[in-house]
Amino acid sequence: MLVKAEEGQDGTIVSRKHCLITKMNDKYFVQDLKSVNHTLVNGIMIPPYELMELENNDILSVADIEFRVVTKGVSKEKKERDW
């Protein structure tokens, strides 16, 4: 999953290609793509192109937008229905 966007209505700036979320061996990782406003996990800035594992309930910050990571408790049926 590639996280990308443009300037939001509130002035939020997210790089066109900001970060990449990858699943490997049933684990999720995020990689900052040398974004201007950085990618953070639980307040820790990820160096460009370094993989950082995402765990359940981590807070992923893309510029000044925060996402809560949910990796447990979502059934396969629900995933397929919602996506």
Protein backbone atom coordinates (compact mmCIF):
# COMPACT_ATOMS: atom_id res chain seq x y z
CA MET A 1 0.00 0.00 0.00
CA LEU A 2 1.45 3.35 -1.03
CA VAL A 3 0.36 6.29 1.10
CA LYS A 4 0.02 9.36 -1.07
CA ALA A 5 -2.04 12.52 -1.19
CA GLU A 6 -1.89 16.19 -1.95
CA GLU A 7 -2.52 19.27 0.16
CA GLY A 8 -5.70 18.86 2.16
CA GLN A 9 -8.33 21.50 2.84
CA ASP A 10 -6.72 22.20 6.23
CA GLY A 11 -3.27 22.82 4.71
CA THR A 12 -1.90 19.36 5.57
CA ILE A 13 1.01 18.43 3.33
CA VAL A 14 1.64 14.80 2.44
CA SER A 15 4.23 13.98 -0.20
CA ARG A 16 2.98 12.62 -3.49
CA LYS A 17 4.76 9.33 -2.67
CA HIS A 18 5.12 9.56 1.09
CA CYS A 19 5.54 6.04 2.48
CA LEU A 20 5.07 2.42 1.60
CA ILE A 21 3.34 -0.20 3.78
CA THR A 22 4.32 -3.79 3.00
CA LYS A 23 3.28 -7.18 4.37
CA MET A 24 6.05 -9.78 4.70
CA ASN A 25 5.69 -13.12 6.48
CA ASP A 26 2.42 -12.02 8.14
CA LYS A 27 4.03 -8.83 9.52
CA TYR A 28 3.50 -5.27 8.35
CA PHE A 29 6.30 -2.77 7.71
CA VAL A 30 6.37 0.89 6.77
CA GLN A 31 9.08 2.61 4.78
CA ASP A 32 9.44 6.37 4.39
CA LEU A 33 10.10 7.31 0.76
CA LYS A 34 12.28 10.33 1.61
CA SER A 35 9.22 12.47 2.26
CA VAL A 36 9.56 16.14 3.10
CA ASN A 37 7.39 15.99 6.23
CA HIS A 38 8.58 12.55 7.40
CA THR A 39 6.87 9.37 8.57
CA LEU A 40 6.78 8.49 12.27
CA VAL A 41 5.78 5.40 14.24
CA ASN A 42 4.82 6.16 17.84
CA GLY A 43 6.59 9.51 17.57
CA ILE A 44 9.85 8.03 16.25
CA MET A 45 10.94 9.32 12.84
CA ILE A 46 11.76 6.60 10.32
CA PRO A 47 14.98 7.27 8.39
CA PRO A 48 14.36 7.32 4.61
CA TYR A 49 14.07 3.86 3.03
CA GLU A 50 14.48 2.02 6.36
CA LEU A 51 11.83 -0.61 7.16
CA MET A 52 10.09 -0.32 10.51
CA GLU A 53 7.72 -3.02 11.72
CA LEU A 54 4.16 -1.95 12.49
CA GLU A 55 2.41 -3.59 15.42
CA ASN A 56 -1.18 -3.56 16.61
CA ASN A 57 -2.18 -0.16 18.08
CA ASP A 58 0.93 1.67 16.82
CA ILE A 59 0.35 5.27 15.76
CA LEU A 60 1.55 5.92 12.20
CA SER A 61 2.04 9.62 11.50
CA VAL A 62 2.22 10.77 7.89
CA ALA A 63 3.16 14.45 7.99
CA ASP A 64 0.62 15.68 10.59
CA ILE A 65 -2.03 13.01 9.95
CA GLU A 66 -2.19 10.14 12.45
CA PHE A 67 -3.45 6.59 11.83
CA ARG A 68 -3.91 3.84 14.40
CA VAL A 69 -2.58 0.50 13.14
CA VAL A 70 -5.02 -2.39 13.56
CA THR A 71 -3.56 -5.79 12.70
CA LYS A 72 -5.57 -8.07 15.00
CA GLY A 73 -9.22 -8.81 15.45
CA VAL A 74 -10.32 -8.20 11.86
CA SER A 75 -11.73 -11.35 10.31
CA LYS A 76 -10.86 -12.37 6.76
CA GLU A 77 -14.55 -12.08 5.85
CA LYS A 78 -14.71 -8.50 7.12
CA LYS A 79 -11.49 -7.54 5.30
CA GLU A 80 -12.82 -8.86 2.02
CA ARG A 81 -16.19 -7.15 2.50
CA ASP A 82 -14.72 -3.76 3.47
CA TRP A 83 -12.07 -3.57 0.75
